Each structure stands twice: as structure tokens, then as C-alpha cells.
Amino acid sequence: MAQLAESGSNPDVDLLYDINGLARHAPHWFDRIMGFVGEWGLLLAMVLLIVWCWSTVRRGGADAAASVAALVWAPLAAGIALLVNVPIRGFVERPRPFVDHQGLDVLVSGKTDFSFVSDHATITMAMGVGLFVANRRFGLAGIALALLEGFCRVFMGVHYPTDVIGGFALGTAVVLLLSPLAMALLTPVMKAVESAPRVGRLIRARGTAPGGRQSLIPGARAEHTEERDLAA
């Protein structure tokens, strides 16, 4: 069995105790909130951020299909990274920190699987980087949520800092390395959906012209043309 942290002299363990020590000195209600946020809250926030980004990139005009394809790739990449993590965990076999180290304030129970790498850190960073590929502004917010998720996992006493760093690296690598292939496959699919009469709004918002401009309604277009003729 591989042991990545043998004693408290290890900087990884020292940082674990420093961050988790904040939970010991925090009020009980705050620890409960952090437990929920780290376990479910930030994952939900990431999903809502993706939905918000989707509602924005649909107005991207000619680039809408490519943007939505990149956005679809974000959760798909997270799922692939999660699958890649399965053999990694089985190979490393690193126990949870509270198994080998006493005095940790563990905010959630029932964690019996291996620790390296963190699933939560992997998923959130994969979605955050995937968001960045689709839209930089939303991507920066997603990466910030992923960093907060990583902090929460250590704060909760269920992961070492290196578990989180490994998750960040895995999620980022899967998104960036497979992105060219994913975009080559997903973009034509999104363009086909865009041209479909009933479901095309999933890709491009109604009334959005190529280039992201809202098309004029017929009356407004006629009035605009008349004014231009008079000016001429």
C-alpha cells in the first residue's frame, strides 16, 4: 500500500492540520455549512453556473454552436476524469487522512474509499476549465469555485492538500488534452441541432442573427429601410 504521508513532519500533513484546525475553532453552525457547501453546495453552484453560461452563449450568433459544444464538453470531461480517477485510486490506495492521523475535525461521515485523488476537486476543476474554454468570464468564476471546493475538502478533514492538487491536475489535463477531439465531434452535432426547427433554440436564442445581433422585427426593418431611402 502506498503511503504518501507518513508523519506529521510531512508538509502535506502539516498543511492539512493547519487548514482543518480552522474548523476546530469555528462555530458549530459554520462547520455544518462548510460541510454542506464542500459536499454538495459547490457542485450545485457549478451546475447553475453552466446553465447561466448556456443562456449567455446562445446569443453568440454564428459562434453559438461552437460555444455550446464547448459548454457540453465541460460536464462530459468531468465524467471522463472521474472514470480515469478510478484506477488511480486503486493503484495508489491512499487512506483518508483521518485514518492515519488523529485529532482531525471530520465534518462529514461515511468516507470509506481511498483519498487520492479527490473526486470533488477533479469534477469541479474539469467543469471550471471546460467553462473557460466556452467563455472566459464564466470560466474564471468556475475555476474560483473549484479552488474553493479544494479548500473545503481539506477544511472538512476528508482529503490531504495533495489529493486536491492531484484532482485539479487530473481535471485540467482531461479537459485540455481531449478538447480538440471533443470539439471536432461535438461542434457538428450542435450545428445539426441548431438547424432543427424545434430544438434549435437550445443552441441559438430566437431572433439572434449571425454575429450575435438581434434581428429587427419586420415593421422595424421596413421603417429602417424607409428612413435610409429618404436620407439618400
C-alpha atoms as a PDB file:
ATOM      1  CA  MET A   1       0.000   0.000   0.000  1.00  0.00           C
ATOM      2  CA  ALA A   2       1.360   3.345  -0.983  1.00  0.00           C
ATOM      3  CA  GLN A   3       1.637   5.895   1.788  1.00  0.00           C
ATOM      4  CA  LEU A   4       2.071   9.497   0.645  1.00  0.00           C
ATOM      5  CA  ALA A   5       2.083  10.958   4.134  1.00  0.00           C
ATOM      6  CA  GLU A   6       3.752   9.043   6.902  1.00  0.00           C
ATOM      7  CA  SER A   7       4.053  11.555   9.707  1.00  0.00           C
ATOM      8  CA  GLY A   8       3.125  14.995  10.871  1.00  0.00           C
ATOM      9  CA  SER A   9       6.544  16.280   9.754  1.00  0.00           C
ATOM     10  CA  ASN A  10       5.352  15.972   6.173  1.00  0.00           C
ATOM     11  CA  PRO A  11       4.401  19.442   4.797  1.00  0.00           C
ATOM     12  CA  ASP A  12       1.284  17.878   3.278  1.00  0.00           C
ATOM     13  CA  VAL A  13       0.155  16.742   6.720  1.00  0.00           C
ATOM     14  CA  ASP A  14       1.176  19.994   8.375  1.00  0.00           C
ATOM     15  CA  LEU A  15      -0.959  21.961   5.920  1.00  0.00           C
ATOM     16  CA  LEU A  16      -3.803  19.525   6.494  1.00  0.00           C
ATOM     17  CA  TYR A  17      -3.719  20.202  10.224  1.00  0.00           C
ATOM     18  CA  ASP A  18      -3.417  23.958   9.680  1.00  0.00           C
ATOM     19  CA  ILE A  19      -6.448  24.153   7.416  1.00  0.00           C
ATOM     20  CA  ASN A  20      -8.553  21.620   9.273  1.00  0.00           C
ATOM     21  CA  GLY A  21      -7.632  23.362  12.526  1.00  0.00           C
ATOM     22  CA  LEU A  22      -9.756  26.275  11.348  1.00  0.00           C
ATOM     23  CA  ALA A  23     -12.799  24.016  11.617  1.00  0.00           C
ATOM     24  CA  ARG A  24     -11.994  23.191  15.229  1.00  0.00           C
ATOM     25  CA  HIS A  25     -12.006  26.847  16.193  1.00  0.00           C
ATOM     26  CA  ALA A  26     -15.052  27.769  14.103  1.00  0.00           C
ATOM     27  CA  PRO A  27     -18.638  27.750  15.465  1.00  0.00           C
ATOM     28  CA  HIS A  28     -20.551  24.513  15.019  1.00  0.00           C
ATOM     29  CA  TRP A  29     -23.075  26.113  12.681  1.00  0.00           C
ATOM     30  CA  PHE A  30     -20.271  27.330  10.428  1.00  0.00           C
ATOM     31  CA  ASP A  31     -18.761  23.844  10.257  1.00  0.00           C
ATOM     32  CA  ARG A  32     -22.144  22.432   9.254  1.00  0.00           C
ATOM     33  CA  ILE A  33     -22.474  24.997   6.485  1.00  0.00           C
ATOM     34  CA  MET A  34     -18.955  24.273   5.247  1.00  0.00           C
ATOM     35  CA  GLY A  35     -19.696  20.550   5.299  1.00  0.00           C
ATOM     36  CA  PHE A  36     -22.748  21.025   3.100  1.00  0.00           C
ATOM     37  CA  VAL A  37     -21.015  23.507   0.808  1.00  0.00           C
ATOM     38  CA  GLY A  38     -17.995  21.245   0.349  1.00  0.00           C
ATOM     39  CA  GLU A  39     -20.055  18.102  -0.196  1.00  0.00           C
ATOM     40  CA  TRP A  40     -22.938  19.360  -2.345  1.00  0.00           C
ATOM     41  CA  GLY A  41     -23.236  23.149  -2.427  1.00  0.00           C
ATOM     42  CA  LEU A  42     -20.352  23.975  -4.756  1.00  0.00           C
ATOM     43  CA  LEU A  43     -21.260  21.164  -7.137  1.00  0.00           C
ATOM     44  CA  LEU A  44     -24.754  22.617  -7.381  1.00  0.00           C
ATOM     45  CA  ALA A  45     -23.327  26.109  -7.840  1.00  0.00           C
ATOM     46  CA  MET A  46     -21.163  24.812 -10.700  1.00  0.00           C
ATOM     47  CA  VAL A  47     -24.193  23.292 -12.434  1.00  0.00           C
ATOM     48  CA  LEU A  48     -26.112  26.565 -12.088  1.00  0.00           C
ATOM     49  CA  LEU A  49     -23.109  28.460 -13.466  1.00  0.00           C
ATOM     50  CA  ILE A  50     -23.073  26.190 -16.519  1.00  0.00           C
ATOM     51  CA  VAL A  51     -26.793  26.798 -17.072  1.00  0.00           C
ATOM     52  CA  TRP A  52     -26.238  30.543 -16.759  1.00  0.00           C
ATOM     53  CA  CYS A  53     -23.359  30.370 -19.223  1.00  0.00           C
ATOM     54  CA  TRP A  54     -25.541  28.386 -21.651  1.00  0.00           C
ATOM     55  CA  SER A  55     -28.206  31.096 -21.568  1.00  0.00           C
ATOM     56  CA  THR A  56     -25.485  33.601 -22.479  1.00  0.00           C
ATOM     57  CA  VAL A  57     -23.607  31.751 -25.243  1.00  0.00           C
ATOM     58  CA  ARG A  58     -26.911  31.044 -27.028  1.00  0.00           C
ATOM     59  CA  ARG A  59     -26.850  34.704 -28.039  1.00  0.00           C
ATOM     60  CA  GLY A  60     -23.456  34.297 -29.673  1.00  0.00           C
ATOM     61  CA  GLY A  61     -24.821  34.256 -33.218  1.00  0.00           C
ATOM     62  CA  ALA A  62     -22.574  32.456 -35.704  1.00  0.00           C
ATOM     63  CA  ASP A  63     -20.332  31.134 -32.912  1.00  0.00           C
ATOM     64  CA  ALA A  64     -23.198  29.797 -30.789  1.00  0.00           C
ATOM     65  CA  ALA A  65     -22.841  26.162 -31.903  1.00  0.00           C
ATOM     66  CA  ALA A  66     -19.108  26.049 -31.116  1.00  0.00           C
ATOM     67  CA  SER A  67     -19.657  27.767 -27.766  1.00  0.00           C
ATOM     68  CA  VAL A  68     -22.434  25.382 -26.752  1.00  0.00           C
ATOM     69  CA  ALA A  69     -20.277  22.450 -27.876  1.00  0.00           C
ATOM     70  CA  ALA A  70     -17.510  23.648 -25.551  1.00  0.00           C
ATOM     71  CA  LEU A  71     -20.059  24.034 -22.783  1.00  0.00           C
ATOM     72  CA  VAL A  72     -21.377  20.499 -23.302  1.00  0.00           C
ATOM     73  CA  TRP A  73     -17.797  19.265 -23.148  1.00  0.00           C
ATOM     74  CA  ALA A  74     -17.367  20.637 -19.616  1.00  0.00           C
ATOM     75  CA  PRO A  75     -19.595  18.081 -17.779  1.00  0.00           C
ATOM     76  CA  LEU A  76     -18.576  15.317 -20.186  1.00  0.00           C
ATOM     77  CA  ALA A  77     -14.921  15.961 -19.377  1.00  0.00           C
ATOM     78  CA  ALA A  78     -15.740  15.889 -15.668  1.00  0.00           C
ATOM     79  CA  GLY A  79     -17.334  12.463 -16.111  1.00  0.00           C
ATOM     80  CA  ILE A  80     -14.345  11.147 -18.065  1.00  0.00           C
ATOM     81  CA  ALA A  81     -11.929  12.500 -15.452  1.00  0.00           C
ATOM     82  CA  LEU A  82     -13.957  10.763 -12.757  1.00  0.00           C
ATOM     83  CA  LEU A  83     -13.633   7.458 -14.614  1.00  0.00           C
ATOM     84  CA  VAL A  84      -9.894   7.979 -15.057  1.00  0.00           C
ATOM     85  CA  ASN A  85      -9.619   8.535 -11.313  1.00  0.00           C
ATOM     86  CA  VAL A  86     -10.998   5.062 -10.524  1.00  0.00           C
ATOM     87  CA  PRO A  87      -7.834   3.117 -11.452  1.00  0.00           C
ATOM     88  CA  ILE A  88      -5.645   5.864  -9.992  1.00  0.00           C
ATOM     89  CA  ARG A  89      -7.288   5.458  -6.606  1.00  0.00           C
ATOM     90  CA  GLY A  90      -6.975   1.700  -6.804  1.00  0.00           C
ATOM     91  CA  PHE A  91      -3.283   1.929  -7.690  1.00  0.00           C
ATOM     92  CA  VAL A  92      -2.270   4.482  -5.053  1.00  0.00           C
ATOM     93  CA  GLU A  93      -4.543   3.130  -2.274  1.00  0.00           C
ATOM     94  CA  ARG A  94      -4.076   6.162  -0.039  1.00  0.00           C
ATOM     95  CA  PRO A  95      -6.285   6.046   3.067  1.00  0.00           C
ATOM     96  CA  ARG A  96      -8.322   9.046   4.120  1.00  0.00           C
ATOM     97  CA  PRO A  97      -6.322  11.401   6.358  1.00  0.00           C
ATOM     98  CA  PHE A  98      -8.446  10.700   9.438  1.00  0.00           C
ATOM     99  CA  VAL A  99      -7.483   7.007   9.215  1.00  0.00           C
ATOM    100  CA  ASP A 100      -3.773   7.638   9.775  1.00  0.00           C
ATOM    101  CA  HIS A 101      -3.850  10.909  11.716  1.00  0.00           C
ATOM    102  CA  GLN A 102      -5.528  11.671  14.997  1.00  0.00           C
ATOM    103  CA  GLY A 103      -7.111  14.901  16.139  1.00  0.00           C
ATOM    104  CA  LEU A 104      -8.732  15.911  12.857  1.00  0.00           C
ATOM    105  CA  ASP A 105     -12.152  17.521  12.912  1.00  0.00           C
ATOM    106  CA  VAL A 106     -14.022  15.478  10.272  1.00  0.00           C
ATOM    107  CA  LEU A 107     -17.150  17.315   9.147  1.00  0.00           C
ATOM    108  CA  VAL A 108     -18.753  14.503   7.117  1.00  0.00           C
ATOM    109  CA  SER A 109     -19.012  10.809   7.870  1.00  0.00           C
ATOM    110  CA  GLY A 110     -19.177   7.677   5.751  1.00  0.00           C
ATOM    111  CA  LYS A 111     -15.978   8.205   3.772  1.00  0.00           C
ATOM    112  CA  THR A 112     -14.542   4.695   3.446  1.00  0.00           C
ATOM    113  CA  ASP A 113     -12.939   4.870  -0.009  1.00  0.00           C
ATOM    114  CA  PHE A 114      -9.409   5.939  -0.843  1.00  0.00           C
ATOM    115  CA  SER A 115      -8.286   9.543  -0.721  1.00  0.00           C
ATOM    116  CA  PHE A 116      -6.030  10.218  -3.741  1.00  0.00           C
ATOM    117  CA  VAL A 117      -7.172  11.924  -5.881  1.00  0.00           C
ATOM    118  CA  SER A 118     -10.161  13.977  -4.749  1.00  0.00           C
ATOM    119  CA  ASP A 119     -13.274  13.331  -6.853  1.00  0.00           C
ATOM    120  CA  HIS A 120     -14.787  16.687  -5.892  1.00  0.00           C
ATOM    121  CA  ALA A 121     -11.660  18.600  -6.873  1.00  0.00           C
ATOM    122  CA  THR A 122     -11.425  16.657 -10.125  1.00  0.00           C
ATOM    123  CA  ILE A 123     -15.045  17.273 -11.115  1.00  0.00           C
ATOM    124  CA  THR A 124     -15.185  20.953 -10.234  1.00  0.00           C
ATOM    125  CA  MET A 125     -11.874  21.836 -11.874  1.00  0.00           C
ATOM    126  CA  ALA A 126     -12.780  19.908 -15.028  1.00  0.00           C
ATOM    127  CA  MET A 127     -16.043  21.840 -15.274  1.00  0.00           C
ATOM    128  CA  GLY A 128     -14.321  25.110 -14.432  1.00  0.00           C
ATOM    129  CA  VAL A 129     -11.675  24.706 -17.128  1.00  0.00           C
ATOM    130  CA  GLY A 130     -14.343  23.473 -19.546  1.00  0.00           C
ATOM    131  CA  LEU A 131     -16.313  26.628 -18.830  1.00  0.00           C
ATOM    132  CA  PHE A 132     -13.192  28.669 -19.535  1.00  0.00           C
ATOM    133  CA  VAL A 133     -12.941  27.053 -22.966  1.00  0.00           C
ATOM    134  CA  ALA A 134     -16.531  28.102 -23.681  1.00  0.00           C
ATOM    135  CA  ASN A 135     -16.470  31.546 -22.045  1.00  0.00           C
ATOM    136  CA  ARG A 136     -13.566  33.144 -20.203  1.00  0.00           C
ATOM    137  CA  ARG A 137     -15.665  35.232 -17.827  1.00  0.00           C
ATOM    138  CA  PHE A 138     -17.734  32.278 -16.652  1.00  0.00           C
ATOM    139  CA  GLY A 139     -14.660  30.063 -16.734  1.00  0.00           C
ATOM    140  CA  LEU A 140     -12.806  32.245 -14.246  1.00  0.00           C
ATOM    141  CA  ALA A 141     -15.805  32.061 -11.923  1.00  0.00           C
ATOM    142  CA  GLY A 142     -15.894  28.280 -12.348  1.00  0.00           C
ATOM    143  CA  ILE A 143     -12.191  27.909 -11.587  1.00  0.00           C
ATOM    144  CA  ALA A 144     -12.680  30.060  -8.473  1.00  0.00           C
ATOM    145  CA  LEU A 145     -15.461  27.698  -7.341  1.00  0.00           C
ATOM    146  CA  ALA A 146     -13.151  24.733  -7.934  1.00  0.00           C
ATOM    147  CA  LEU A 147     -10.396  26.296  -5.826  1.00  0.00           C
ATOM    148  CA  LEU A 148     -12.920  26.911  -3.045  1.00  0.00           C
ATOM    149  CA  GLU A 149     -14.039  23.290  -3.342  1.00  0.00           C
ATOM    150  CA  GLY A 150     -10.475  22.118  -2.878  1.00  0.00           C
ATOM    151  CA  PHE A 151     -10.085  24.243   0.241  1.00  0.00           C
ATOM    152  CA  CYS A 152     -13.347  22.896   1.634  1.00  0.00           C
ATOM    153  CA  ARG A 153     -12.281  19.265   1.179  1.00  0.00           C
ATOM    154  CA  VAL A 154      -9.181  19.839   3.291  1.00  0.00           C
ATOM    155  CA  PHE A 155     -11.100  22.008   5.768  1.00  0.00           C
ATOM    156  CA  MET A 156     -13.571  19.136   6.186  1.00  0.00           C
ATOM    157  CA  GLY A 157     -10.768  16.717   7.069  1.00  0.00           C
ATOM    158  CA  VAL A 158     -11.515  14.247   4.257  1.00  0.00           C
ATOM    159  CA  HIS A 159      -8.569  14.967   1.936  1.00  0.00           C
ATOM    160  CA  TYR A 160      -4.900  15.899   2.027  1.00  0.00           C
ATOM    161  CA  PRO A 161      -3.891  19.045   0.123  1.00  0.00           C
ATOM    162  CA  THR A 162      -2.060  16.869  -2.412  1.00  0.00           C
ATOM    163  CA  ASP A 163      -5.301  14.946  -3.035  1.00  0.00           C
ATOM    164  CA  VAL A 164      -6.861  18.227  -4.088  1.00  0.00           C
ATOM    165  CA  ILE A 165      -3.880  19.304  -6.210  1.00  0.00           C
ATOM    166  CA  GLY A 166      -3.923  15.926  -7.931  1.00  0.00           C
ATOM    167  CA  GLY A 167      -7.634  16.358  -8.657  1.00  0.00           C
ATOM    168  CA  PHE A 168      -7.052  19.816 -10.096  1.00  0.00           C
ATOM    169  CA  ALA A 169      -4.290  18.462 -12.355  1.00  0.00           C
ATOM    170  CA  LEU A 170      -6.356  15.488 -13.499  1.00  0.00           C
ATOM    171  CA  GLY A 171      -9.440  17.534 -14.294  1.00  0.00           C
ATOM    172  CA  THR A 172      -7.438  20.158 -16.189  1.00  0.00           C
ATOM    173  CA  ALA A 173      -5.462  17.573 -18.158  1.00  0.00           C
ATOM    174  CA  VAL A 174      -8.555  15.684 -19.316  1.00  0.00           C
ATOM    175  CA  VAL A 175     -10.282  18.878 -20.486  1.00  0.00           C
ATOM    176  CA  LEU A 176      -7.321  20.337 -22.369  1.00  0.00           C
ATOM    177  CA  LEU A 177      -5.842  17.154 -23.845  1.00  0.00           C
ATOM    178  CA  LEU A 178      -9.139  15.829 -25.179  1.00  0.00           C
ATOM    179  CA  SER A 179     -10.673  19.192 -26.061  1.00  0.00           C
ATOM    180  CA  PRO A 180      -9.608  19.206 -29.757  1.00  0.00           C
ATOM    181  CA  LEU A 181     -11.159  15.784 -30.345  1.00  0.00           C
ATOM    182  CA  ALA A 182     -14.245  16.635 -28.311  1.00  0.00           C
ATOM    183  CA  MET A 183     -14.833  19.882 -30.181  1.00  0.00           C
ATOM    184  CA  ALA A 184     -14.342  18.156 -33.540  1.00  0.00           C
ATOM    185  CA  LEU A 185     -17.061  15.676 -32.593  1.00  0.00           C
ATOM    186  CA  LEU A 186     -19.460  17.920 -30.696  1.00  0.00           C
ATOM    187  CA  THR A 187     -19.483  21.035 -32.892  1.00  0.00           C
ATOM    188  CA  PRO A 188     -21.097  19.328 -35.933  1.00  0.00           C
ATOM    189  CA  VAL A 189     -23.688  17.795 -33.610  1.00  0.00           C
ATOM    190  CA  MET A 190     -24.527  21.188 -32.128  1.00  0.00           C
ATOM    191  CA  LYS A 191     -24.773  22.697 -35.612  1.00  0.00           C
ATOM    192  CA  ALA A 192     -27.182  19.949 -36.627  1.00  0.00           C
ATOM    193  CA  VAL A 193     -29.285  20.624 -33.534  1.00  0.00           C
ATOM    194  CA  GLU A 194     -29.164  24.347 -34.291  1.00  0.00           C
ATOM    195  CA  SER A 195     -30.688  23.799 -37.736  1.00  0.00           C
ATOM    196  CA  ALA A 196     -33.507  21.623 -36.379  1.00  0.00           C
ATOM    197  CA  PRO A 197     -36.819  23.545 -36.313  1.00  0.00           C
ATOM    198  CA  ARG A 198     -37.974  22.711 -32.779  1.00  0.00           C
ATOM    199  CA  VAL A 199     -34.795  22.252 -30.774  1.00  0.00           C
ATOM    200  CA  GLY A 200     -32.633  24.857 -32.477  1.00  0.00           C
ATOM    201  CA  ARG A 201     -33.299  27.307 -29.633  1.00  0.00           C
ATOM    202  CA  LEU A 202     -31.138  25.120 -27.417  1.00  0.00           C
ATOM    203  CA  ILE A 203     -28.173  26.362 -29.446  1.00  0.00           C
ATOM    204  CA  ARG A 204     -29.161  29.834 -30.599  1.00  0.00           C
ATOM    205  CA  ALA A 205     -31.735  32.087 -28.976  1.00  0.00           C
ATOM    206  CA  ARG A 206     -34.723  33.118 -31.088  1.00  0.00           C
ATOM    207  CA  GLY A 207     -34.106  36.312 -33.035  1.00  0.00           C
ATOM    208  CA  THR A 208     -30.332  36.105 -32.746  1.00  0.00           C
ATOM    209  CA  ALA A 209     -28.669  36.852 -36.052  1.00  0.00           C
ATOM    210  CA  PRO A 210     -25.186  35.667 -37.035  1.00  0.00           C
ATOM    211  CA  GLY A 211     -22.603  37.762 -35.239  1.00  0.00           C
ATOM    212  CA  GLY A 212     -24.687  37.969 -32.062  1.00  0.00           C
ATOM    213  CA  ARG A 213     -27.001  40.836 -33.144  1.00  0.00           C
ATOM    214  CA  GLN A 214     -30.719  40.716 -32.567  1.00  0.00           C
ATOM    215  CA  SER A 215     -32.627  40.665 -35.873  1.00  0.00           C
ATOM    216  CA  LEU A 216     -35.077  43.524 -36.463  1.00  0.00           C
ATOM    217  CA  ILE A 217     -38.771  42.757 -36.369  1.00  0.00           C
ATOM    218  CA  PRO A 218     -40.479  43.167 -39.803  1.00  0.00           C
ATOM    219  CA  GLY A 219     -42.061  46.523 -39.005  1.00  0.00           C
ATOM    220  CA  ALA A 220     -38.848  47.934 -37.626  1.00  0.00           C
ATOM    221  CA  ARG A 221     -36.887  46.649 -40.626  1.00  0.00           C
ATOM    222  CA  ALA A 222     -39.304  48.327 -43.062  1.00  0.00           C
ATOM    223  CA  GLU A 223     -39.179  51.604 -41.132  1.00  0.00           C
ATOM    224  CA  HIS A 224     -35.390  51.438 -41.034  1.00  0.00           C
ATOM    225  CA  THR A 225     -35.259  50.877 -44.813  1.00  0.00           C
ATOM    226  CA  GLU A 226     -37.666  53.777 -45.472  1.00  0.00           C
ATOM    227  CA  GLU A 227     -35.617  56.171 -43.360  1.00  0.00           C
ATOM    228  CA  ARG A 228     -32.466  55.145 -45.208  1.00  0.00           C
ATOM    229  CA  ASP A 229     -34.122  55.769 -48.590  1.00  0.00           C
ATOM    230  CA  LEU A 230     -35.297  59.226 -47.523  1.00  0.00           C
ATOM    231  CA  ALA A 231     -31.828  60.093 -46.312  1.00  0.00           C
ATOM    232  CA  ALA A 232     -30.416  59.067 -49.667  1.00  0.00           C
END
